[in-house]
C-alpha atoms as a PDB file:
ATOM      1  CA  GLU A   1     -17.342  10.355 -31.573  1.00  0.00           C
ATOM      2  CA  SER A   2     -15.453   7.111 -31.995  1.00  0.00           C
ATOM      3  CA  GLN A   3     -13.035   7.087 -34.885  1.00  0.00           C
ATOM      4  CA  LEU A   4     -14.232   4.048 -36.794  1.00  0.00           C
ATOM      5  CA  ALA A   5     -13.589   3.484 -40.465  1.00  0.00           C
ATOM      6  CA  THR A   6     -16.274   4.979 -42.674  1.00  0.00           C
ATOM      7  CA  SER A   7     -16.195   2.338 -45.379  1.00  0.00           C
ATOM      8  CA  GLY A   8     -15.470  -1.353 -45.797  1.00  0.00           C
ATOM      9  CA  MET A   9     -14.578  -3.313 -42.702  1.00  0.00           C
ATOM     10  CA  ALA A  10     -13.440  -1.434 -39.624  1.00  0.00           C
ATOM     11  CA  THR A  11      -9.810  -1.885 -38.681  1.00  0.00           C
ATOM     12  CA  ILE A  12      -9.812  -1.911 -34.897  1.00  0.00           C
ATOM     13  CA  GLU A  13      -6.885  -3.140 -32.874  1.00  0.00           C
ATOM     14  CA  LYS A  14      -7.316  -4.867 -29.543  1.00  0.00           C
ATOM     15  CA  VAL A  15      -5.832  -5.446 -26.119  1.00  0.00           C
ATOM     16  CA  ARG A  16      -6.358  -8.466 -23.902  1.00  0.00           C
ATOM     17  CA  ILE A  17      -7.004  -7.963 -20.178  1.00  0.00           C
ATOM     18  CA  LEU A  18      -7.259 -10.809 -17.671  1.00  0.00           C
ATOM     19  CA  VAL A  19      -9.803 -10.520 -14.849  1.00  0.00           C
ATOM     20  CA  VAL A  20      -8.687 -12.800 -12.018  1.00  0.00           C
ATOM     21  CA  GLY A  21      -9.519 -13.420  -8.371  1.00  0.00           C
ATOM     22  CA  ASP A  22     -11.041 -15.981  -6.036  1.00  0.00           C
ATOM     23  CA  SER A  23     -14.219 -17.799  -6.974  1.00  0.00           C
ATOM     24  CA  GLY A  24     -17.313 -15.900  -5.852  1.00  0.00           C
ATOM     25  CA  VAL A  25     -15.819 -12.399  -5.615  1.00  0.00           C
ATOM     26  CA  GLY A  26     -17.995 -11.137  -8.476  1.00  0.00           C
ATOM     27  CA  LYS A  27     -15.742 -11.154 -11.544  1.00  0.00           C
ATOM     28  CA  THR A  28     -18.516 -12.111 -13.971  1.00  0.00           C
ATOM     29  CA  SER A  29     -20.861  -9.442 -12.604  1.00  0.00           C
ATOM     30  CA  LEU A  30     -18.054  -6.886 -12.754  1.00  0.00           C
ATOM     31  CA  VAL A  31     -17.225  -7.623 -16.393  1.00  0.00           C
ATOM     32  CA  HIS A  32     -20.909  -7.428 -17.319  1.00  0.00           C
ATOM     33  CA  LEU A  33     -21.196  -4.043 -15.598  1.00  0.00           C
ATOM     34  CA  MET A  34     -18.102  -2.684 -17.356  1.00  0.00           C
ATOM     35  CA  VAL A  35     -19.219  -3.882 -20.790  1.00  0.00           C
ATOM     36  CA  ASN A  36     -22.979  -3.281 -20.659  1.00  0.00           C
ATOM     37  CA  ASN A  37     -23.277  -0.437 -18.136  1.00  0.00           C
ATOM     38  CA  GLU A  38     -25.941  -2.376 -16.289  1.00  0.00           C
ATOM     39  CA  PRO A  39     -25.961  -5.058 -13.568  1.00  0.00           C
ATOM     40  CA  ILE A  40     -26.354  -8.692 -14.536  1.00  0.00           C
ATOM     41  CA  GLY A  41     -29.475 -10.522 -13.390  1.00  0.00           C
ATOM     42  CA  ASN A  42     -28.320 -14.028 -12.559  1.00  0.00           C
ATOM     43  CA  PRO A  43     -24.592 -14.532 -13.129  1.00  0.00           C
ATOM     44  CA  SER A  44     -23.464 -18.091 -13.709  1.00  0.00           C
ATOM     45  CA  TRP A  45     -20.285 -19.721 -12.444  1.00  0.00           C
ATOM     46  CA  THR A  46     -17.388 -19.392 -14.857  1.00  0.00           C
ATOM     47  CA  ILE A  47     -15.740 -22.682 -15.779  1.00  0.00           C
ATOM     48  CA  GLY A  48     -12.408 -22.127 -17.480  1.00  0.00           C
ATOM     49  CA  GLY A  49     -12.721 -18.669 -18.966  1.00  0.00           C
ATOM     50  CA  SER A  50     -15.117 -16.433 -20.869  1.00  0.00           C
ATOM     51  CA  VAL A  51     -14.584 -13.231 -22.823  1.00  0.00           C
ATOM     52  CA  ASP A  52     -16.592 -10.036 -23.207  1.00  0.00           C
ATOM     53  CA  VAL A  53     -15.559  -7.186 -25.459  1.00  0.00           C
ATOM     54  CA  LYS A  54     -16.131  -3.450 -25.295  1.00  0.00           C
ATOM     55  CA  LEU A  55     -15.062  -0.492 -27.385  1.00  0.00           C
ATOM     56  CA  HIS A  56     -12.839   2.085 -25.712  1.00  0.00           C
ATOM     57  CA  ASP A  57     -11.744   5.450 -27.034  1.00  0.00           C
ATOM     58  CA  TYR A  58      -8.043   5.794 -26.284  1.00  0.00           C
ATOM     59  CA  LYS A  59      -7.129   9.362 -25.248  1.00  0.00           C
ATOM     60  CA  ALA A  60     -10.729  10.444 -25.737  1.00  0.00           C
ATOM     61  CA  GLY A  61     -11.212  14.101 -26.600  1.00  0.00           C
ATOM     62  CA  THR A  62      -7.667  14.614 -27.865  1.00  0.00           C
ATOM     63  CA  PRO A  63      -6.212  14.676 -31.394  1.00  0.00           C
ATOM     64  CA  ALA A  64      -4.720  11.237 -30.651  1.00  0.00           C
ATOM     65  CA  GLU A  65      -8.131   9.646 -29.983  1.00  0.00           C
ATOM     66  CA  LYS A  66      -8.486   6.173 -31.435  1.00  0.00           C
ATOM     67  CA  THR A  67     -10.951   3.347 -30.845  1.00  0.00           C
ATOM     68  CA  PHE A  68      -9.729  -0.015 -29.571  1.00  0.00           C
ATOM     69  CA  PHE A  69     -11.339  -3.276 -28.583  1.00  0.00           C
ATOM     70  CA  ILE A  70     -10.899  -4.216 -24.929  1.00  0.00           C
ATOM     71  CA  GLU A  71     -11.091  -7.976 -24.448  1.00  0.00           C
ATOM     72  CA  LEU A  72     -11.983  -8.749 -20.834  1.00  0.00           C
ATOM     73  CA  TRP A  73     -11.156 -12.375 -20.050  1.00  0.00           C
ATOM     74  CA  ASP A  74     -13.054 -13.575 -16.979  1.00  0.00           C
ATOM     75  CA  ILE A  75     -10.976 -16.447 -15.586  1.00  0.00           C
ATOM     76  CA  GLY A  76     -12.716 -19.016 -13.381  1.00  0.00           C
ATOM     77  CA  GLY A  77     -11.367 -18.942  -9.835  1.00  0.00           C
ATOM     78  CA  SER A  78     -12.048 -22.540  -8.814  1.00  0.00           C
ATOM     79  CA  SER A  79      -8.978 -24.347  -7.492  1.00  0.00           C
ATOM     80  CA  SER A  80     -10.125 -27.497  -9.298  1.00  0.00           C
ATOM     81  CA  HIS A  81      -9.254 -25.843 -12.616  1.00  0.00           C
ATOM     82  CA  SER A  82      -5.915 -24.367 -11.567  1.00  0.00           C
ATOM     83  CA  ASN A  83      -3.936 -26.662 -13.880  1.00  0.00           C
ATOM     84  CA  SER A  84      -5.864 -25.609 -16.980  1.00  0.00           C
ATOM     85  CA  ARG A  85      -6.046 -21.851 -16.409  1.00  0.00           C
ATOM     86  CA  PHE A  86      -2.643 -21.286 -17.983  1.00  0.00           C
ATOM     87  CA  ILE A  87      -4.094 -21.590 -21.479  1.00  0.00           C
ATOM     88  CA  PHE A  88      -5.852 -18.243 -20.931  1.00  0.00           C
ATOM     89  CA  TYR A  89      -2.783 -16.402 -19.660  1.00  0.00           C
ATOM     90  CA  ASN A  90      -1.029 -15.756 -22.951  1.00  0.00           C
ATOM     91  CA  PRO A  91      -0.910 -13.133 -24.194  1.00  0.00           C
ATOM     92  CA  VAL A  92      -1.721 -10.709 -21.399  1.00  0.00           C
ATOM     93  CA  HIS A  93      -1.602  -6.943 -21.851  1.00  0.00           C
ATOM     94  CA  GLY A  94      -3.240  -5.948 -18.561  1.00  0.00           C
ATOM     95  CA  ILE A  95      -4.527  -7.530 -15.351  1.00  0.00           C
ATOM     96  CA  ILE A  96      -7.557  -6.678 -13.218  1.00  0.00           C
ATOM     97  CA  LEU A  97      -7.268  -8.216  -9.746  1.00  0.00           C
ATOM     98  CA  VAL A  98     -10.683  -8.631  -8.107  1.00  0.00           C
ATOM     99  CA  HIS A  99     -11.417  -9.228  -4.423  1.00  0.00           C
ATOM    100  CA  ASP A 100     -14.424  -9.159  -2.110  1.00  0.00           C
ATOM    101  CA  LEU A 101     -14.200  -6.237   0.332  1.00  0.00           C
ATOM    102  CA  THR A 102     -15.964  -8.325   2.988  1.00  0.00           C
ATOM    103  CA  ASN A 103     -13.527 -11.223   2.603  1.00  0.00           C
ATOM    104  CA  ARG A 104      -9.991 -10.476   3.784  1.00  0.00           C
ATOM    105  CA  LYS A 105      -8.708 -13.800   2.443  1.00  0.00           C
ATOM    106  CA  SER A 106      -9.751 -12.933  -1.107  1.00  0.00           C
ATOM    107  CA  HIS A 107      -7.637  -9.778  -0.834  1.00  0.00           C
ATOM    108  CA  GLN A 108      -4.631 -11.657   0.491  1.00  0.00           C
ATOM    109  CA  ASN A 109      -4.951 -14.177  -2.344  1.00  0.00           C
ATOM    110  CA  LEU A 110      -4.451 -11.450  -4.955  1.00  0.00           C
ATOM    111  CA  ASN A 111      -0.715 -11.966  -4.441  1.00  0.00           C
ATOM    112  CA  LYS A 112      -1.111 -15.590  -5.516  1.00  0.00           C
ATOM    113  CA  TRP A 113      -3.237 -14.648  -8.501  1.00  0.00           C
ATOM    114  CA  LEU A 114      -0.765 -12.086  -9.763  1.00  0.00           C
ATOM    115  CA  SER A 115       2.132 -14.470  -9.318  1.00  0.00           C
ATOM    116  CA  GLU A 116       0.223 -17.249 -11.085  1.00  0.00           C
ATOM    117  CA  VAL A 117      -0.266 -15.038 -14.132  1.00  0.00           C
ATOM    118  CA  LEU A 118       3.316 -13.741 -14.121  1.00  0.00           C
ATOM    119  CA  ASN A 119       4.636 -17.298 -13.725  1.00  0.00           C
ATOM    120  CA  LYS A 120       2.419 -18.678 -16.494  1.00  0.00           C
ATOM    121  CA  ASP A 121       5.446 -20.171 -18.241  1.00  0.00           C
ATOM    122  CA  ASN A 122       6.615 -21.932 -15.074  1.00  0.00           C
ATOM    123  CA  LYS A 123       3.800 -24.338 -14.222  1.00  0.00           C
ATOM    124  CA  ASP A 124       5.975 -26.166 -11.702  1.00  0.00           C
ATOM    125  CA  ASN A 125       6.055 -23.127  -9.438  1.00  0.00           C
ATOM    126  CA  ASN A 126       3.286 -24.137  -7.056  1.00  0.00           C
ATOM    127  CA  GLY A 127       4.201 -21.593  -4.410  1.00  0.00           C
ATOM    128  CA  TYR A 128       3.284 -18.534  -6.442  1.00  0.00           C
ATOM    129  CA  ASP A 129       5.221 -16.254  -4.101  1.00  0.00           C
ATOM    130  CA  PHE A 130       4.743 -12.680  -5.226  1.00  0.00           C
ATOM    131  CA  ASP A 131       8.045 -10.947  -5.890  1.00  0.00           C
ATOM    132  CA  PRO A 132       7.818  -7.140  -6.332  1.00  0.00           C
ATOM    133  CA  GLU A 133      11.164  -7.162  -8.153  1.00  0.00           C
ATOM    134  CA  GLN A 134       9.846  -9.751 -10.592  1.00  0.00           C
ATOM    135  CA  PHE A 135       6.798  -7.593 -11.259  1.00  0.00           C
ATOM    136  CA  ALA A 136       8.968  -4.508 -11.796  1.00  0.00           C
ATOM    137  CA  GLY A 137      10.594  -6.323 -14.694  1.00  0.00           C
ATOM    138  CA  ASN A 138       7.241  -7.135 -16.317  1.00  0.00           C
ATOM    139  CA  GLN A 139       5.475  -3.787 -16.010  1.00  0.00           C
ATOM    140  CA  VAL A 140       2.109  -5.240 -16.956  1.00  0.00           C
ATOM    141  CA  PRO A 141      -0.537  -2.602 -16.111  1.00  0.00           C
ATOM    142  CA  ILE A 142      -2.560  -3.582 -13.031  1.00  0.00           C
ATOM    143  CA  LEU A 143      -5.911  -2.437 -11.644  1.00  0.00           C
ATOM    144  CA  VAL A 144      -7.240  -3.663  -8.285  1.00  0.00           C
ATOM    145  CA  ILE A 145     -11.024  -3.748  -7.842  1.00  0.00           C
ATOM    146  CA  GLY A 146     -12.868  -4.466  -4.600  1.00  0.00           C
ATOM    147  CA  THR A 147     -16.493  -5.596  -4.903  1.00  0.00           C
ATOM    148  CA  LYS A 148     -19.468  -5.464  -2.507  1.00  0.00           C
ATOM    149  CA  ALA A 149     -18.655  -1.913  -1.415  1.00  0.00           C
ATOM    150  CA  ASP A 150     -22.278  -1.505  -0.321  1.00  0.00           C
ATOM    151  CA  MET A 151     -21.851  -4.219   2.309  1.00  0.00           C
ATOM    152  CA  VAL A 152     -18.618  -2.688   3.558  1.00  0.00           C
ATOM    153  CA  GLU A 153     -20.326   0.663   3.997  1.00  0.00           C
ATOM    154  CA  ASN A 154     -23.232  -0.953   5.810  1.00  0.00           C
ATOM    155  CA  LEU A 155     -21.047  -3.093   8.069  1.00  0.00           C
ATOM    156  CA  ARG A 156     -18.431  -0.397   8.696  1.00  0.00           C
ATOM    157  CA  ASP A 157     -15.899  -3.118   7.991  1.00  0.00           C
ATOM    158  CA  ARG A 158     -12.576  -1.521   7.101  1.00  0.00           C
ATOM    159  CA  SER A 159     -10.357  -4.508   7.850  1.00  0.00           C
ATOM    160  CA  VAL A 160      -9.242  -4.898   4.245  1.00  0.00           C
ATOM    161  CA  SER A 161      -8.275  -1.255   3.847  1.00  0.00           C
ATOM    162  CA  ARG A 162      -6.011  -1.544   6.881  1.00  0.00           C
ATOM    163  CA  SER A 163      -4.129  -4.506   5.453  1.00  0.00           C
ATOM    164  CA  SER A 164      -1.093  -4.265   3.227  1.00  0.00           C
ATOM    165  CA  SER A 165      -2.353  -3.488  -0.247  1.00  0.00           C
ATOM    166  CA  ILE A 166      -1.028  -5.170  -3.353  1.00  0.00           C
ATOM    167  CA  ALA A 167      -2.105  -2.039  -5.217  1.00  0.00           C
ATOM    168  CA  GLU A 168       0.525  -0.064  -3.328  1.00  0.00           C
ATOM    169  CA  GLU A 169       3.186  -2.681  -4.041  1.00  0.00           C
ATOM    170  CA  CYS A 170       2.417  -2.578  -7.765  1.00  0.00           C
ATOM    171  CA  GLY A 171       1.790   1.147  -8.005  1.00  0.00           C
ATOM    172  CA  ALA A 172      -1.702   0.349  -9.277  1.00  0.00           C
ATOM    173  CA  ASP A 173      -4.952   2.278  -9.000  1.00  0.00           C
ATOM    174  CA  GLU A 174      -7.683   0.816  -6.814  1.00  0.00           C
ATOM    175  CA  ILE A 175     -11.455   0.902  -7.266  1.00  0.00           C
ATOM    176  CA  ASN A 176     -14.149  -0.129  -4.793  1.00  0.00           C
ATOM    177  CA  LEU A 177     -17.668  -0.659  -6.098  1.00  0.00           C
ATOM    178  CA  ASP A 178     -20.933  -2.569  -5.959  1.00  0.00           C
ATOM    179  CA  ASN A 179     -21.567  -4.665  -9.068  1.00  0.00           C
ATOM    180  CA  ASN A 180     -25.312  -4.096  -8.689  1.00  0.00           C
ATOM    181  CA  GLN A 181     -25.090  -0.302  -8.798  1.00  0.00           C
ATOM    182  CA  VAL A 182     -24.417   1.476 -12.103  1.00  0.00           C
ATOM    183  CA  LYS A 183     -23.537   4.693 -10.258  1.00  0.00           C
ATOM    184  CA  TYR A 184     -20.150   3.287  -9.234  1.00  0.00           C
ATOM    185  CA  LEU A 185     -19.007   3.428 -12.880  1.00  0.00           C
ATOM    186  CA  ALA A 186     -21.114   6.379 -14.029  1.00  0.00           C
ATOM    187  CA  PRO A 187     -19.375   8.503 -16.698  1.00  0.00           C
ATOM    188  CA  GLY A 188     -17.173  11.159 -15.141  1.00  0.00           C
ATOM    189  CA  CYS A 189     -17.077   9.667 -11.647  1.00  0.00           C
ATOM    190  CA  GLY A 190     -13.751   8.870  -9.994  1.00  0.00           C
ATOM    191  CA  ASN A 191     -14.020   5.132 -10.604  1.00  0.00           C
ATOM    192  CA  ALA A 192     -14.865   5.611 -14.285  1.00  0.00           C
ATOM    193  CA  VAL A 193     -11.893   7.941 -14.735  1.00  0.00           C
ATOM    194  CA  LYS A 194      -9.547   5.395 -13.119  1.00  0.00           C
ATOM    195  CA  LEU A 195     -10.917   2.607 -15.315  1.00  0.00           C
ATOM    196  CA  SER A 196     -10.494   4.695 -18.466  1.00  0.00           C
ATOM    197  CA  LYS A 197      -6.934   5.621 -17.507  1.00  0.00           C
ATOM    198  CA  PHE A 198      -6.162   1.949 -16.909  1.00  0.00           C
ATOM    199  CA  PHE A 199      -7.462   0.998 -20.355  1.00  0.00           C
ATOM    200  CA  ASP A 200      -5.385   3.822 -21.867  1.00  0.00           C
ATOM    201  CA  LYS A 201      -2.304   2.558 -20.034  1.00  0.00           C
ATOM    202  CA  VAL A 202      -2.807  -0.980 -21.325  1.00  0.00           C
ATOM    203  CA  ILE A 203      -3.240   0.296 -24.883  1.00  0.00           C
ATOM    204  CA  GLU A 204      -0.229   2.595 -24.538  1.00  0.00           C
ATOM    205  CA  ARG A 205       2.044  -0.237 -23.503  1.00  0.00           C
ATOM    206  CA  LYS A 206       0.712  -2.738 -26.043  1.00  0.00           C
ATOM    207  CA  HIS A 207       0.533  -0.511 -29.119  1.00  0.00           C
ATOM    208  CA  TYR A 208       2.744   2.519 -28.500  1.00  0.00           C
ATOM    209  CA  SER A 209       5.695   1.288 -26.442  1.00  0.00           C
ATOM    210  CA  ASN A 210       9.034   1.626 -28.231  1.00  0.00           C
ATOM    211  CA  ASN A 211      10.406  -1.196 -26.102  1.00  0.00           C
ATOM    212  CA  SER A 212       8.018  -3.807 -27.432  1.00  0.00           C
ATOM    213  CA  ARG A 213       8.602  -5.629 -30.725  1.00  0.00           C
ATOM    214  CA  GLU A 214       4.973  -6.696 -30.654  1.00  0.00           C
ATOM    215  CA  SER A 215       3.950  -3.049 -30.315  1.00  0.00           C
ATOM    216  CA  ARG A 216       6.022  -1.949 -33.295  1.00  0.00           C
ATOM    217  CA  GLU A 217       4.510  -4.697 -35.413  1.00  0.00           C
ATOM    218  CA  SER A 218       1.051  -3.643 -34.264  1.00  0.00           C
ATOM    219  CA  LEU A 219       1.641  -0.042 -35.313  1.00  0.00           C
ATOM    220  CA  THR A 220       2.603  -1.083 -38.853  1.00  0.00           C
ATOM    221  CA  SER A 221      -0.145  -3.640 -39.257  1.00  0.00           C
ATOM    222  CA  SER A 222      -3.144  -2.612 -41.345  1.00  0.00           C
ATOM    223  CA  SER A 223      -4.874  -5.970 -41.381  1.00  0.00           C
ATOM    224  CA  GLN A 224      -8.535  -6.291 -40.516  1.00  0.00           C
ATOM    225  CA  TYR A 225      -9.128  -6.982 -36.851  1.00  0.00           C
ATOM    226  CA  SER A 226     -10.167 -10.563 -36.366  1.00  0.00           C
ATOM    227  CA  ALA A 227      -9.772 -13.215 -33.726  1.00  0.00           C
ATOM    228  CA  GLN A 228     -10.378 -16.919 -33.686  1.00  0.00           C
ATOM    229  CA  VAL A 229     -11.842 -18.791 -30.757  1.00  0.00           C
ATOM    230  CA  GLY A 230     -12.093 -22.485 -31.439  1.00  0.00           C
ATOM    231  CA  GLU A 231     -13.582 -22.715 -34.922  1.00  0.00           C
ATOM    232  CA  ASP A 232     -15.469 -19.410 -34.720  1.00  0.00           C
ATOM    233  CA  MET A 233     -14.186 -16.303 -36.478  1.00  0.00           C
ATOM    234  CA  TYR A 234     -15.565 -12.875 -35.801  1.00  0.00           C
ATOM    235  CA  SER A 235     -15.062  -9.449 -37.309  1.00  0.00           C
ATOM    236  CA  VAL A 236     -16.733  -6.080 -37.007  1.00  0.00           C
ATOM    237  CA  PRO A 237     -18.317  -4.078 -39.827  1.00  0.00           C
ATOM    238  CA  SER A 238     -17.564  -0.366 -39.858  1.00  0.00           C
ATOM    239  CA  GLY A 239     -19.788   1.840 -37.755  1.00  0.00           C
ATOM    240  CA  SER A 240     -20.619  -0.916 -35.300  1.00  0.00           C
ATOM    241  CA  HIS A 241     -20.558  -0.012 -31.623  1.00  0.00           C
ATOM    242  CA  ASN A 242     -22.580  -2.845 -30.145  1.00  0.00           C
ATOM    243  CA  ASN A 243     -20.051  -5.577 -29.505  1.00  0.00           C
ATOM    244  CA  GLN A 244     -22.774  -7.942 -28.312  1.00  0.00           C
ATOM    245  CA  ASP A 245     -23.967  -8.332 -31.912  1.00  0.00           C
ATOM    246  CA  TYR A 246     -20.613  -9.548 -33.179  1.00  0.00           C
ATOM    247  CA  TYR A 247     -19.052 -11.574 -30.420  1.00  0.00           C
ATOM    248  CA  ASN A 248     -20.966 -14.808 -30.158  1.00  0.00           C
ATOM    249  CA  PHE A 249     -18.968 -17.708 -28.789  1.00  0.00           C
ATOM    250  CA  ASN A 250     -21.000 -20.901 -29.027  1.00  0.00           C
END
């Protein structure tokens, strides 16, 4: 059972995860599946960025279990908005790189996406050349997700799996799934375990790392969880598990 406060307003800390990748790879459908455990009917194109939030039990089933908010920021992949995406890149506690398993180019472009996020403070760097040594110094947790796994299985197309994988370069886990099939993230399955471990890793680094000043401040903070988007403020009453009731961004 999630460890939420039993009285007053729940104090729940958060982490912020960016979901990036080429336009059309299925980021919006993926986020909806992760948050709602069901496929989305008619996903719309993301312009700029949108956020969905889910509750995650850190170290579930152990004495250290604690509930956190996972903010999943779906960043629009259109090149026409490349100059404005930087406003969504800070802060970043974890990155989910998304590609289409039937589109080799979308996999190759993950290098550019990762470099764009890591170089968020250097907007003049138009090359976005991925540097493994640069990433080693950042240590931002990474998860690589390939979509449209059903089409890959049907087409017997393994071209992407034979290419050099950014997941290997970053030491990241990799998940392949179909956004229209709940079974790919069913509780207890391999993909679900990897996703849960990734969330735990992001939380660990953000809130429990001795090397992070921000983490130390987070551990000593007892303030009510709240976040402001534009002029809207949201908070969560104790005992609430349905994030959809409390995160309305108009």
